[in-house]
């Protein structure tokens, strides 16, 4: 899962296997280790909340998607979900293969729909 923070926005890009895990298990998480004992954990999960939420607490970022919204996104060709949580803008996207470089071996990105054009 790719995490990008920029100017009041947070973007997560999920691979095919991560989206499958979100669908099956209801949660995908990852971490960035800065040094032993110092890491940033980030996760996306489905839940019963009526809206998309983002919480930051104790070096943990947790994004929660309402389950019906997540399932509609997962099961469609919809690229992403845009939302806001307080002043934070959120973008949750399917991770497409880059067009400007060759795919890496074992890359789990979605085929880029623009590649056929």
PDB file of N, CA and C in Angstrom:
ATOM      1  N   UNK A   1       0.855  -1.161   0.000  1.00  0.00           N
ATOM      2  CA  UNK A   1       0.000   0.000   0.000  1.00  0.00           C
ATOM      3  C   UNK A   1       0.902   1.225   0.000  1.00  0.00           C
ATOM      4  N   UNK A   2       0.630   2.111  -0.927  1.00  0.00           N
ATOM      5  CA  UNK A   2       1.427   3.325  -1.043  1.00  0.00           C
ATOM      6  C   UNK A   2       0.732   4.453  -0.288  1.00  0.00           C
ATOM      7  N   UNK A   3       1.520   5.214   0.441  1.00  0.00           N
ATOM      8  CA  UNK A   3       1.024   6.332   1.234  1.00  0.00           C
ATOM      9  C   UNK A   3       1.664   7.608   0.729  1.00  0.00           C
ATOM     10  N   UNK A   4       0.844   8.621   0.489  1.00  0.00           N
ATOM     11  CA  UNK A   4       1.372   9.920   0.080  1.00  0.00           C
ATOM     12  C   UNK A   4       0.690  10.994   0.911  1.00  0.00           C
ATOM     13  N   UNK A   5       1.486  11.848   1.502  1.00  0.00           N
ATOM     14  CA  UNK A   5       1.004  12.999   2.266  1.00  0.00           C
ATOM     15  C   UNK A   5       1.462  14.251   1.553  1.00  0.00           C
ATOM     16  N   UNK A   6       0.529  15.173   1.323  1.00  0.00           N
ATOM     17  CA  UNK A   6       0.904  16.396   0.633  1.00  0.00           C
ATOM     18  C   UNK A   6      -0.128  17.489   0.909  1.00  0.00           C
ATOM     19  N   UNK A   7       0.327  18.602   1.436  1.00  0.00           N
ATOM     20  CA  UNK A   7      -0.470  19.830   1.561  1.00  0.00           C
ATOM     21  C   UNK A   7      -1.908  19.594   2.030  1.00  0.00           C
ATOM     22  N   UNK A   8      -2.070  18.969   3.169  1.00  0.00           N
ATOM     23  CA  UNK A   8      -3.406  18.769   3.721  1.00  0.00           C
ATOM     24  C   UNK A   8      -4.177  17.628   3.108  1.00  0.00           C
ATOM     25  N   UNK A   9      -3.473  16.751   2.376  1.00  0.00           N
ATOM     26  CA  UNK A   9      -4.167  15.611   1.791  1.00  0.00           C
ATOM     27  C   UNK A   9      -3.396  14.327   2.075  1.00  0.00           C
ATOM     28  N   UNK A  10      -4.121  13.236   2.091  1.00  0.00           N
ATOM     29  CA  UNK A  10      -3.549  11.917   2.291  1.00  0.00           C
ATOM     30  C   UNK A  10      -4.105  11.027   1.190  1.00  0.00           C
ATOM     31  N   UNK A  11      -3.201  10.303   0.525  1.00  0.00           N
ATOM     32  CA  UNK A  11      -3.616   9.406  -0.552  1.00  0.00           C
ATOM     33  C   UNK A  11      -3.053   8.021  -0.276  1.00  0.00           C
ATOM     34  N   UNK A  12      -3.916   7.022  -0.404  1.00  0.00           N
ATOM     35  CA  UNK A  12      -3.512   5.630  -0.318  1.00  0.00           C
ATOM     36  C   UNK A  12      -3.787   4.974  -1.659  1.00  0.00           C
ATOM     37  N   UNK A  13      -2.823   4.204  -2.145  1.00  0.00           N
ATOM     38  CA  UNK A  13      -3.001   3.419  -3.370  1.00  0.00           C
ATOM     39  C   UNK A  13      -2.839   1.957  -3.007  1.00  0.00           C
ATOM     40  N   UNK A  14      -3.839   1.169  -3.363  1.00  0.00           N
ATOM     41  CA  UNK A  14      -3.849  -0.237  -3.016  1.00  0.00           C
ATOM     42  C   UNK A  14      -3.703  -1.106  -4.254  1.00  0.00           C
ATOM     43  N   UNK A  15      -2.880  -2.144  -4.137  1.00  0.00           N
ATOM     44  CA  UNK A  15      -2.676  -3.111  -5.216  1.00  0.00           C
ATOM     45  C   UNK A  15      -3.870  -4.061  -5.286  1.00  0.00           C
ATOM     46  N   UNK A  16      -3.852  -4.922  -6.286  1.00  0.00           N
ATOM     47  CA  UNK A  16      -4.936  -5.894  -6.443  1.00  0.00           C
ATOM     48  C   UNK A  16      -5.052  -6.810  -5.227  1.00  0.00           C
ATOM     49  N   UNK A  17      -3.932  -7.318  -4.734  1.00  0.00           N
ATOM     50  CA  UNK A  17      -3.990  -8.236  -3.583  1.00  0.00           C
ATOM     51  C   UNK A  17      -4.412  -7.497  -2.313  1.00  0.00           C
ATOM     52  N   UNK A  18      -4.028  -6.243  -2.169  1.00  0.00           N
ATOM     53  CA  UNK A  18      -4.445  -5.477  -0.995  1.00  0.00           C
ATOM     54  C   UNK A  18      -5.948  -5.202  -1.023  1.00  0.00           C
ATOM     55  N   UNK A  19      -6.480  -4.909  -2.198  1.00  0.00           N
ATOM     56  CA  UNK A  19      -7.922  -4.699  -2.311  1.00  0.00           C
ATOM     57  C   UNK A  19      -8.658  -6.007  -2.045  1.00  0.00           C
ATOM     58  N   UNK A  20      -8.119  -7.122  -2.511  1.00  0.00           N
ATOM     59  CA  UNK A  20      -8.728  -8.421  -2.214  1.00  0.00           C
ATOM     60  C   UNK A  20      -8.727  -8.681  -0.709  1.00  0.00           C
ATOM     61  N   UNK A  21      -7.633  -8.340  -0.031  1.00  0.00           N
ATOM     62  CA  UNK A  21      -7.545  -8.518   1.420  1.00  0.00           C
ATOM     63  C   UNK A  21      -8.536  -7.602   2.140  1.00  0.00           C
ATOM     64  N   UNK A  22      -8.658  -6.354   1.678  1.00  0.00           N
ATOM     65  CA  UNK A  22      -9.628  -5.430   2.274  1.00  0.00           C
ATOM     66  C   UNK A  22     -11.032  -6.007   2.147  1.00  0.00           C
ATOM     67  N   UNK A  23     -11.332  -6.595   1.002  1.00  0.00           N
ATOM     68  CA  UNK A  23     -12.648  -7.192   0.759  1.00  0.00           C
ATOM     69  C   UNK A  23     -12.873  -8.417   1.648  1.00  0.00           C
ATOM     70  N   UNK A  24     -11.862  -9.270   1.760  1.00  0.00           N
ATOM     71  CA  UNK A  24     -12.001 -10.530   2.500  1.00  0.00           C
ATOM     72  C   UNK A  24     -11.873 -10.366   4.010  1.00  0.00           C
ATOM     73  N   UNK A  25     -10.891  -9.580   4.443  1.00  0.00           N
ATOM     74  CA  UNK A  25     -10.574  -9.463   5.864  1.00  0.00           C
ATOM     75  C   UNK A  25     -11.118  -8.176   6.479  1.00  0.00           C
ATOM     76  N   UNK A  26     -11.276  -7.152   5.636  1.00  0.00           N
ATOM     77  CA  UNK A  26     -11.777  -5.876   6.135  1.00  0.00           C
ATOM     78  C   UNK A  26     -10.697  -4.923   6.608  1.00  0.00           C
ATOM     79  N   UNK A  27      -9.413  -5.281   6.365  1.00  0.00           N
ATOM     80  CA  UNK A  27      -8.334  -4.418   6.850  1.00  0.00           C
ATOM     81  C   UNK A  27      -7.041  -4.696   6.090  1.00  0.00           C
ATOM     82  N   UNK A  28      -6.311  -3.633   5.782  1.00  0.00           N
ATOM     83  CA  UNK A  28      -4.966  -3.726   5.218  1.00  0.00           C
ATOM     84  C   UNK A  28      -4.115  -2.733   6.006  1.00  0.00           C
ATOM     85  N   UNK A  29      -2.939  -3.162   6.410  1.00  0.00           N
ATOM     86  CA  UNK A  29      -2.068  -2.261   7.164  1.00  0.00           C
ATOM     87  C   UNK A  29      -0.623  -2.426   6.735  1.00  0.00           C
ATOM     88  N   UNK A  30       0.157  -1.381   6.991  1.00  0.00           N
ATOM     89  CA  UNK A  30       1.570  -1.378   6.644  1.00  0.00           C
ATOM     90  C   UNK A  30       2.277  -0.458   7.632  1.00  0.00           C
ATOM     91  N   UNK A  31       3.594  -0.398   7.525  1.00  0.00           N
ATOM     92  CA  UNK A  31       4.374   0.438   8.438  1.00  0.00           C
ATOM     93  C   UNK A  31       5.606   0.974   7.732  1.00  0.00           C
ATOM     94  N   UNK A  32       6.038   2.122   8.178  1.00  0.00           N
ATOM     95  CA  UNK A  32       7.307   2.701   7.755  1.00  0.00           C
ATOM     96  C   UNK A  32       8.175   2.752   9.010  1.00  0.00           C
ATOM     97  N   UNK A  33       9.295   2.029   8.988  1.00  0.00           N
ATOM     98  CA  UNK A  33      10.190   1.988  10.137  1.00  0.00           C
ATOM     99  C   UNK A  33      11.278   3.031   9.945  1.00  0.00           C
ATOM    100  N   UNK A  34      11.342   3.985  10.868  1.00  0.00           N
ATOM    101  CA  UNK A  34      12.348   5.035  10.800  1.00  0.00           C
ATOM    102  C   UNK A  34      13.630   4.606  11.499  1.00  0.00           C
ATOM    103  N   UNK A  35      13.487   3.906  12.595  1.00  0.00           N
ATOM    104  CA  UNK A  35      14.607   3.348  13.345  1.00  0.00           C
ATOM    105  C   UNK A  35      14.014   2.311  14.295  1.00  0.00           C
ATOM    106  N   UNK A  36      14.841   1.477  14.906  1.00  0.00           N
ATOM    107  CA  UNK A  36      14.280   0.484  15.835  1.00  0.00           C
ATOM    108  C   UNK A  36      13.398   1.159  16.889  1.00  0.00           C
ATOM    109  N   UNK A  37      12.184   0.691  17.002  1.00  0.00           N
ATOM    110  CA  UNK A  37      11.256   1.235  17.989  1.00  0.00           C
ATOM    111  C   UNK A  37      10.540   2.502  17.554  1.00  0.00           C
ATOM    112  N   UNK A  38      10.806   2.968  16.341  1.00  0.00           N
ATOM    113  CA  UNK A  38      10.177   4.197  15.847  1.00  0.00           C
ATOM    114  C   UNK A  38       9.594   3.936  14.464  1.00  0.00           C
ATOM    115  N   UNK A  39       8.269   3.856  14.409  1.00  0.00           N
ATOM    116  CA  UNK A  39       7.622   3.567  13.138  1.00  0.00           C
ATOM    117  C   UNK A  39       6.291   4.291  13.025  1.00  0.00           C
ATOM    118  N   UNK A  40       5.870   4.456  11.791  1.00  0.00           N
ATOM    119  CA  UNK A  40       4.562   5.012  11.480  1.00  0.00           C
ATOM    120  C   UNK A  40       3.730   3.866  10.930  1.00  0.00           C
ATOM    121  N   UNK A  41       2.646   3.550  11.594  1.00  0.00           N
ATOM    122  CA  UNK A  41       1.729   2.514  11.139  1.00  0.00           C
ATOM    123  C   UNK A  41       0.583   3.181  10.406  1.00  0.00           C
ATOM    124  N   UNK A  42       0.138   2.570   9.302  1.00  0.00           N
ATOM    125  CA  UNK A  42      -1.024   3.103   8.602  1.00  0.00           C
ATOM    126  C   UNK A  42      -1.884   1.952   8.127  1.00  0.00           C
ATOM    127  N   UNK A  43      -3.209   2.183   8.172  1.00  0.00           N
ATOM    128  CA  UNK A  43      -4.151   1.117   7.853  1.00  0.00           C
ATOM    129  C   UNK A  43      -5.400   1.694   7.222  1.00  0.00           C
ATOM    130  N   UNK A  44      -6.040   0.856   6.423  1.00  0.00           N
ATOM    131  CA  UNK A  44      -7.357   1.161   5.896  1.00  0.00           C
ATOM    132  C   UNK A  44      -8.229  -0.027   6.260  1.00  0.00           C
ATOM    133  N   UNK A  45      -9.455   0.259   6.682  1.00  0.00           N
ATOM    134  CA  UNK A  45     -10.358  -0.802   7.080  1.00  0.00           C
ATOM    135  C   UNK A  45     -11.790  -0.435   6.720  1.00  0.00           C
ATOM    136  N   UNK A  46     -12.630  -1.428   6.691  1.00  0.00           N
ATOM    137  CA  UNK A  46     -14.050  -1.193   6.476  1.00  0.00           C
ATOM    138  C   UNK A  46     -14.738  -1.249   7.836  1.00  0.00           C
ATOM    139  N   UNK A  47     -15.835  -0.516   7.934  1.00  0.00           N
ATOM    140  CA  UNK A  47     -16.548  -0.491   9.204  1.00  0.00           C
ATOM    141  C   UNK A  47     -17.978  -0.032   9.031  1.00  0.00           C
ATOM    142  N   UNK A  48     -18.625   0.191  10.148  1.00  0.00           N
ATOM    143  CA  UNK A  48     -20.035   0.573  10.138  1.00  0.00           C
ATOM    144  C   UNK A  48     -20.244   2.082  10.205  1.00  0.00           C
ATOM    145  N   UNK A  49     -19.159   2.857  10.187  1.00  0.00           N
ATOM    146  CA  UNK A  49     -19.284   4.318  10.230  1.00  0.00           C
ATOM    147  C   UNK A  49     -20.073   4.797   9.018  1.00  0.00           C
ATOM    148  N   UNK A  50     -20.863   5.872   9.175  1.00  0.00           N
ATOM    149  CA  UNK A  50     -21.662   6.364   8.049  1.00  0.00           C
ATOM    150  C   UNK A  50     -20.849   7.141   7.008  1.00  0.00           C
ATOM    151  N   UNK A  51     -19.625   7.522   7.347  1.00  0.00           N
ATOM    152  CA  UNK A  51     -18.794   8.311   6.436  1.00  0.00           C
ATOM    153  C   UNK A  51     -17.342   7.852   6.546  1.00  0.00           C
ATOM    154  N   UNK A  52     -16.545   8.242   5.566  1.00  0.00           N
ATOM    155  CA  UNK A  52     -15.112   7.958   5.600  1.00  0.00           C
ATOM    156  C   UNK A  52     -14.494   8.765   6.744  1.00  0.00           C
ATOM    157  N   UNK A  53     -13.671   8.110   7.542  1.00  0.00           N
ATOM    158  CA  UNK A  53     -13.016   8.795   8.648  1.00  0.00           C
ATOM    159  C   UNK A  53     -11.517   8.541   8.617  1.00  0.00           C
ATOM    160  N   UNK A  54     -10.771   9.488   9.159  1.00  0.00           N
ATOM    161  CA  UNK A  54      -9.321   9.355   9.304  1.00  0.00           C
ATOM    162  C   UNK A  54      -8.962   9.760  10.729  1.00  0.00           C
ATOM    163  N   UNK A  55      -8.152   8.924  11.363  1.00  0.00           N
ATOM    164  CA  UNK A  55      -7.731   9.187  12.735  1.00  0.00           C
ATOM    165  C   UNK A  55      -6.215   9.032  12.803  1.00  0.00           C
ATOM    166  N   UNK A  56      -5.566   9.965  13.501  1.00  0.00           N
ATOM    167  CA  UNK A  56      -4.126   9.861  13.751  1.00  0.00           C
ATOM    168  C   UNK A  56      -3.926   9.866  15.256  1.00  0.00           C
ATOM    169  N   UNK A  57      -3.310   8.788  15.772  1.00  0.00           N
ATOM    170  CA  UNK A  57      -3.112   8.666  17.207  1.00  0.00           C
ATOM    171  C   UNK A  57      -1.908   7.764  17.472  1.00  0.00           C
ATOM    172  N   UNK A  58      -0.979   8.209  18.298  1.00  0.00           N
ATOM    173  CA  UNK A  58       0.182   7.399  18.689  1.00  0.00           C
ATOM    174  C   UNK A  58       0.917   6.797  17.490  1.00  0.00           C
ATOM    175  N   UNK A  59       1.250   7.634  16.512  1.00  0.00           N
ATOM    176  CA  UNK A  59       1.991   7.221  15.313  1.00  0.00           C
ATOM    177  C   UNK A  59       1.230   6.195  14.487  1.00  0.00           C
ATOM    178  N   UNK A  60      -0.112   6.240  14.544  1.00  0.00           N
ATOM    179  CA  UNK A  60      -0.968   5.359  13.763  1.00  0.00           C
ATOM    180  C   UNK A  60      -1.947   6.191  12.952  1.00  0.00           C
ATOM    181  N   UNK A  61      -1.997   5.931  11.652  1.00  0.00           N
ATOM    182  CA  UNK A  61      -3.005   6.533  10.787  1.00  0.00           C
ATOM    183  C   UNK A  61      -4.006   5.427  10.470  1.00  0.00           C
ATOM    184  N   UNK A  62      -5.277   5.683  10.734  1.00  0.00           N
ATOM    185  CA  UNK A  62      -6.311   4.687  10.460  1.00  0.00           C
ATOM    186  C   UNK A  62      -7.432   5.331   9.646  1.00  0.00           C
ATOM    187  N   UNK A  63      -7.635   4.817   8.437  1.00  0.00           N
ATOM    188  CA  UNK A  63      -8.711   5.270   7.560  1.00  0.00           C
ATOM    189  C   UNK A  63      -9.805   4.206   7.618  1.00  0.00           C
ATOM    190  N   UNK A  64     -11.037   4.635   7.853  1.00  0.00           N
ATOM    191  CA  UNK A  64     -12.164   3.705   7.876  1.00  0.00           C
ATOM    192  C   UNK A  64     -13.146   4.085   6.782  1.00  0.00           C
ATOM    193  N   UNK A  65     -13.487   3.101   5.954  1.00  0.00           N
ATOM    194  CA  UNK A  65     -14.470   3.272   4.890  1.00  0.00           C
ATOM    195  C   UNK A  65     -15.767   2.592   5.303  1.00  0.00           C
ATOM    196  N   UNK A  66     -16.921   3.238   5.083  1.00  0.00           N
ATOM    197  CA  UNK A  66     -18.176   2.529   5.309  1.00  0.00           C
ATOM    198  C   UNK A  66     -18.196   1.273   4.434  1.00  0.00           C
ATOM    199  N   UNK A  67     -18.592   0.154   5.000  1.00  0.00           N
ATOM    200  CA  UNK A  67     -18.535  -1.115   4.267  1.00  0.00           C
ATOM    201  C   UNK A  67     -19.279  -1.075   2.932  1.00  0.00           C
ATOM    202  N   UNK A  68     -20.496  -0.524   2.837  1.00  0.00           N
ATOM    203  CA  UNK A  68     -21.170  -0.490   1.532  1.00  0.00           C
ATOM    204  C   UNK A  68     -20.398   0.328   0.492  1.00  0.00           C
ATOM    205  N   UNK A  69     -19.799   1.433   0.903  1.00  0.00           N
ATOM    206  CA  UNK A  69     -18.999   2.260  -0.012  1.00  0.00           C
ATOM    207  C   UNK A  69     -17.778   1.480  -0.493  1.00  0.00           C
ATOM    208  N   UNK A  70     -17.092   0.819   0.434  1.00  0.00           N
ATOM    209  CA  UNK A  70     -15.900   0.037   0.085  1.00  0.00           C
ATOM    210  C   UNK A  70     -16.247  -1.090  -0.876  1.00  0.00           C
ATOM    211  N   UNK A  71     -17.327  -1.808  -0.606  1.00  0.00           N
ATOM    212  CA  UNK A  71     -17.706  -2.922  -1.471  1.00  0.00           C
ATOM    213  C   UNK A  71     -18.081  -2.446  -2.875  1.00  0.00           C
ATOM    214  N   UNK A  72     -18.790  -1.328  -2.966  1.00  0.00           N
ATOM    215  CA  UNK A  72     -19.157  -0.787  -4.281  1.00  0.00           C
ATOM    216  C   UNK A  72     -17.904  -0.414  -5.069  1.00  0.00           C
ATOM    217  N   UNK A  73     -16.911   0.176  -4.407  1.00  0.00           N
ATOM    218  CA  UNK A  73     -15.662   0.562  -5.053  1.00  0.00           C
ATOM    219  C   UNK A  73     -14.871  -0.669  -5.491  1.00  0.00           C
ATOM    220  N   UNK A  74     -14.742  -1.632  -4.588  1.00  0.00           N
ATOM    221  CA  UNK A  74     -13.959  -2.837  -4.856  1.00  0.00           C
ATOM    222  C   UNK A  74     -14.528  -3.617  -6.033  1.00  0.00           C
ATOM    223  N   UNK A  75     -15.827  -3.717  -6.111  1.00  0.00           N
ATOM    224  CA  UNK A  75     -16.479  -4.560  -7.112  1.00  0.00           C
ATOM    225  C   UNK A  75     -16.763  -3.835  -8.432  1.00  0.00           C
ATOM    226  N   UNK A  76     -16.279  -2.612  -8.580  1.00  0.00           N
ATOM    227  CA  UNK A  76     -16.535  -1.849  -9.798  1.00  0.00           C
ATOM    228  C   UNK A  76     -15.222  -1.455 -10.467  1.00  0.00           C
ATOM    229  N   UNK A  77     -15.355  -0.733 -11.580  1.00  0.00           N
ATOM    230  CA  UNK A  77     -14.163  -0.203 -12.233  1.00  0.00           C
ATOM    231  C   UNK A  77     -13.880   1.231 -11.769  1.00  0.00           C
ATOM    232  N   UNK A  78     -14.557   1.655 -10.722  1.00  0.00           N
ATOM    233  CA  UNK A  78     -14.319   2.982 -10.125  1.00  0.00           C
ATOM    234  C   UNK A  78     -12.863   3.058  -9.662  1.00  0.00           C
ATOM    235  N   UNK A  79     -12.179   4.104 -10.045  1.00  0.00           N
ATOM    236  CA  UNK A  79     -10.762   4.258  -9.737  1.00  0.00           C
ATOM    237  C   UNK A  79     -10.500   4.551  -8.266  1.00  0.00           C
ATOM    238  N   UNK A  80     -11.269   5.463  -7.696  1.00  0.00           N
ATOM    239  CA  UNK A  80     -10.969   5.867  -6.338  1.00  0.00           C
ATOM    240  C   UNK A  80     -12.162   6.410  -5.581  1.00  0.00           C
ATOM    241  N   UNK A  81     -11.893   6.715  -4.329  1.00  0.00           N
ATOM    242  CA  UNK A  81     -12.870   7.319  -3.433  1.00  0.00           C
ATOM    243  C   UNK A  81     -12.264   8.607  -2.918  1.00  0.00           C
ATOM    244  N   UNK A  82     -12.967   9.712  -3.090  1.00  0.00           N
ATOM    245  CA  UNK A  82     -12.546  10.996  -2.548  1.00  0.00           C
ATOM    246  C   UNK A  82     -13.446  11.336  -1.373  1.00  0.00           C
ATOM    247  N   UNK A  83     -12.843  11.836  -0.303  1.00  0.00           N
ATOM    248  CA  UNK A  83     -13.609  12.203   0.883  1.00  0.00           C
ATOM    249  C   UNK A  83     -12.799  13.207   1.688  1.00  0.00           C
ATOM    250  N   UNK A  84     -13.392  13.699   2.739  1.00  0.00           N
ATOM    251  CA  UNK A  84     -12.656  14.544   3.678  1.00  0.00           C
ATOM    252  C   UNK A  84     -13.010  14.102   5.085  1.00  0.00           C
ATOM    253  N   UNK A  85     -12.054  14.285   5.971  1.00  0.00           N
ATOM    254  CA  UNK A  85     -12.238  13.978   7.381  1.00  0.00           C
ATOM    255  C   UNK A  85     -11.708  15.190   8.134  1.00  0.00           C
ATOM    256  N   UNK A  86     -12.608  16.028   8.607  1.00  0.00           N
ATOM    257  CA  UNK A  86     -12.188  17.307   9.165  1.00  0.00           C
ATOM    258  C   UNK A  86     -11.621  18.156   8.050  1.00  0.00           C
ATOM    259  N   UNK A  87     -10.420  18.670   8.235  1.00  0.00           N
ATOM    260  CA  UNK A  87      -9.782  19.482   7.196  1.00  0.00           C
ATOM    261  C   UNK A  87      -8.896  18.653   6.264  1.00  0.00           C
ATOM    262  N   UNK A  88      -8.748  17.374   6.544  1.00  0.00           N
ATOM    263  CA  UNK A  88      -7.899  16.485   5.749  1.00  0.00           C
ATOM    264  C   UNK A  88      -8.664  15.965   4.536  1.00  0.00           C
ATOM    265  N   UNK A  89      -8.067  16.130   3.357  1.00  0.00           N
ATOM    266  CA  UNK A  89      -8.640  15.583   2.124  1.00  0.00           C
ATOM    267  C   UNK A  89      -8.080  14.177   1.928  1.00  0.00           C
ATOM    268  N   UNK A  90      -8.946  13.230   1.589  1.00  0.00           N
ATOM    269  CA  UNK A  90      -8.549  11.832   1.433  1.00  0.00           C
ATOM    270  C   UNK A  90      -8.817  11.359   0.020  1.00  0.00           C
ATOM    271  N   UNK A  91      -7.898  10.564  -0.501  1.00  0.00           N
ATOM    272  CA  UNK A  91      -8.083   9.921  -1.790  1.00  0.00           C
ATOM    273  C   UNK A  91      -7.594   8.481  -1.651  1.00  0.00           C
ATOM    274  N   UNK A  92      -8.506   7.540  -1.847  1.00  0.00           N
ATOM    275  CA  UNK A  92      -8.192   6.120  -1.787  1.00  0.00           C
ATOM    276  C   UNK A  92      -8.311   5.604  -3.211  1.00  0.00           C
ATOM    277  N   UNK A  93      -7.227   5.024  -3.751  1.00  0.00           N
ATOM    278  CA  UNK A  93      -7.199   4.660  -5.168  1.00  0.00           C
ATOM    279  C   UNK A  93      -6.722   3.229  -5.393  1.00  0.00           C
ATOM    280  N   UNK A  94      -7.162   2.672  -6.515  1.00  0.00           N
ATOM    281  CA  UNK A  94      -6.579   1.439  -7.017  1.00  0.00           C
ATOM    282  C   UNK A  94      -5.247   1.825  -7.651  1.00  0.00           C
ATOM    283  N   UNK A  95      -4.214   1.052  -7.382  1.00  0.00           N
ATOM    284  CA  UNK A  95      -2.876   1.356  -7.882  1.00  0.00           C
ATOM    285  C   UNK A  95      -2.707   0.784  -9.282  1.00  0.00           C
ATOM    286  N   UNK A  96      -2.601   1.672 -10.273  1.00  0.00           N
ATOM    287  CA  UNK A  96      -2.433   1.254 -11.663  1.00  0.00           C
ATOM    288  C   UNK A  96      -0.960   1.217 -12.038  1.00  0.00           C
ATOM    289  N   UNK A  97      -0.630   0.357 -12.983  1.00  0.00           N
ATOM    290  CA  UNK A  97       0.735   0.263 -13.482  1.00  0.00           C
ATOM    291  C   UNK A  97       1.137   1.595 -14.107  1.00  0.00           C
ATOM    292  N   UNK A  98       2.394   1.964 -13.911  1.00  0.00           N
ATOM    293  CA  UNK A  98       2.923   3.194 -14.502  1.00  0.00           C
ATOM    294  C   UNK A  98       3.048   3.026 -16.011  1.00  0.00           C
ATOM    295  N   UNK A  99       2.836   4.107 -16.726  1.00  0.00           N
ATOM    296  CA  UNK A  99       2.983   4.079 -18.182  1.00  0.00           C
ATOM    297  C   UNK A  99       4.384   4.487 -18.620  1.00  0.00           C
ATOM    298  N   UNK A 100       5.140   5.133 -17.743  1.00  0.00           N
ATOM    299  CA  UNK A 100       6.447   5.669 -18.131  1.00  0.00           C
ATOM    300  C   UNK A 100       7.616   4.736 -17.810  1.00  0.00           C
ATOM    301  N   UNK A 101       7.322   3.545 -17.289  1.00  0.00           N
ATOM    302  CA  UNK A 101       8.392   2.583 -17.025  1.00  0.00           C
ATOM    303  C   UNK A 101       7.829   1.174 -17.129  1.00  0.00           C
ATOM    304  N   UNK A 102       8.733   0.213 -17.277  1.00  0.00           N
ATOM    305  CA  UNK A 102       8.326  -1.192 -17.327  1.00  0.00           C
ATOM    306  C   UNK A 102       7.827  -1.637 -15.952  1.00  0.00           C
ATOM    307  N   UNK A 103       6.877  -2.540 -15.951  1.00  0.00           N
ATOM    308  CA  UNK A 103       6.385  -3.109 -14.696  1.00  0.00           C
ATOM    309  C   UNK A 103       7.506  -3.898 -14.033  1.00  0.00           C
ATOM    310  N   UNK A 104       7.577  -3.802 -12.715  1.00  0.00           N
ATOM    311  CA  UNK A 104       8.573  -4.555 -11.972  1.00  0.00           C
ATOM    312  C   UNK A 104       8.111  -6.008 -11.863  1.00  0.00           C
ATOM    313  N   UNK A 105       9.066  -6.958 -11.806  1.00  0.00           N
ATOM    314  CA  UNK A 105       8.674  -8.360 -11.648  1.00  0.00           C
ATOM    315  C   UNK A 105       7.818  -8.539 -10.394  1.00  0.00           C
ATOM    316  N   UNK A 106       6.719  -9.235 -10.533  1.00  0.00           N
ATOM    317  CA  UNK A 106       5.848  -9.476  -9.395  1.00  0.00           C
ATOM    318  C   UNK A 106       4.958  -8.306  -9.020  1.00  0.00           C
ATOM    319  N   UNK A 107       4.992  -7.244  -9.821  1.00  0.00           N
ATOM    320  CA  UNK A 107       4.175  -6.072  -9.519  1.00  0.00           C
ATOM    321  C   UNK A 107       2.705  -6.464  -9.504  1.00  0.00           C
ATOM    322  N   UNK A 108       1.992  -5.971  -8.540  1.00  0.00           N
ATOM    323  CA  UNK A 108       0.609  -6.374  -8.291  1.00  0.00           C
ATOM    324  C   UNK A 108      -0.373  -5.249  -8.611  1.00  0.00           C
ATOM    325  N   UNK A 109       0.063  -4.285  -9.403  1.00  0.00           N
ATOM    326  CA  UNK A 109      -0.792  -3.154  -9.751  1.00  0.00           C
ATOM    327  C   UNK A 109      -1.864  -3.586 -10.739  1.00  0.00           C
ATOM    328  N   UNK A 110      -2.910  -2.775 -10.820  1.00  0.00           N
ATOM    329  CA  UNK A 110      -3.960  -3.017 -11.794  1.00  0.00           C
ATOM    330  C   UNK A 110      -3.443  -2.630 -13.173  1.00  0.00           C
ATOM    331  N   UNK A 111      -3.883  -3.309 -14.220  1.00  0.00           N
ATOM    332  CA  UNK A 111      -3.505  -2.887 -15.576  1.00  0.00           C
ATOM    333  C   UNK A 111      -4.000  -1.457 -15.817  1.00  0.00           C
ATOM    334  N   UNK A 112      -3.169  -0.644 -16.384  1.00  0.00           N
ATOM    335  CA  UNK A 112      -3.541   0.758 -16.611  1.00  0.00           C
ATOM    336  C   UNK A 112      -4.474   0.843 -17.814  1.00  0.00           C
ATOM    337  N   UNK A 113      -5.680   1.403 -17.628  1.00  0.00           N
ATOM    338  CA  UNK A 113      -6.611   1.480 -18.757  1.00  0.00           C
ATOM    339  C   UNK A 113      -6.110   2.380 -19.890  1.00  0.00           C
ATOM    340  N   UNK A 114      -5.173   3.276 -19.604  1.00  0.00           N
ATOM    341  CA  UNK A 114      -4.638   4.164 -20.640  1.00  0.00           C
ATOM    342  C   UNK A 114      -3.576   3.473 -21.497  1.00  0.00           C
ATOM    343  N   UNK A 115      -3.109   2.305 -21.073  1.00  0.00           N
ATOM    344  CA  UNK A 115      -2.065   1.593 -21.816  1.00  0.00           C
ATOM    345  C   UNK A 115      -2.579   1.103 -23.164  1.00  0.00           C
ATOM    346  N   UNK A 116      -3.868   0.900 -23.297  1.00  0.00           N
ATOM    347  CA  UNK A 116      -4.440   0.396 -24.544  1.00  0.00           C
ATOM    348  C   UNK A 116      -4.710   1.502 -25.551  1.00  0.00           C
ATOM    349  N   UNK A 117      -4.555   2.736 -25.120  1.00  0.00           N
ATOM    350  CA  UNK A 117      -4.848   3.879 -26.018  1.00  0.00           C
ATOM    351  C   UNK A 117      -3.661   4.194 -26.884  1.00  0.00           C
TER     352      UNK A 117
END
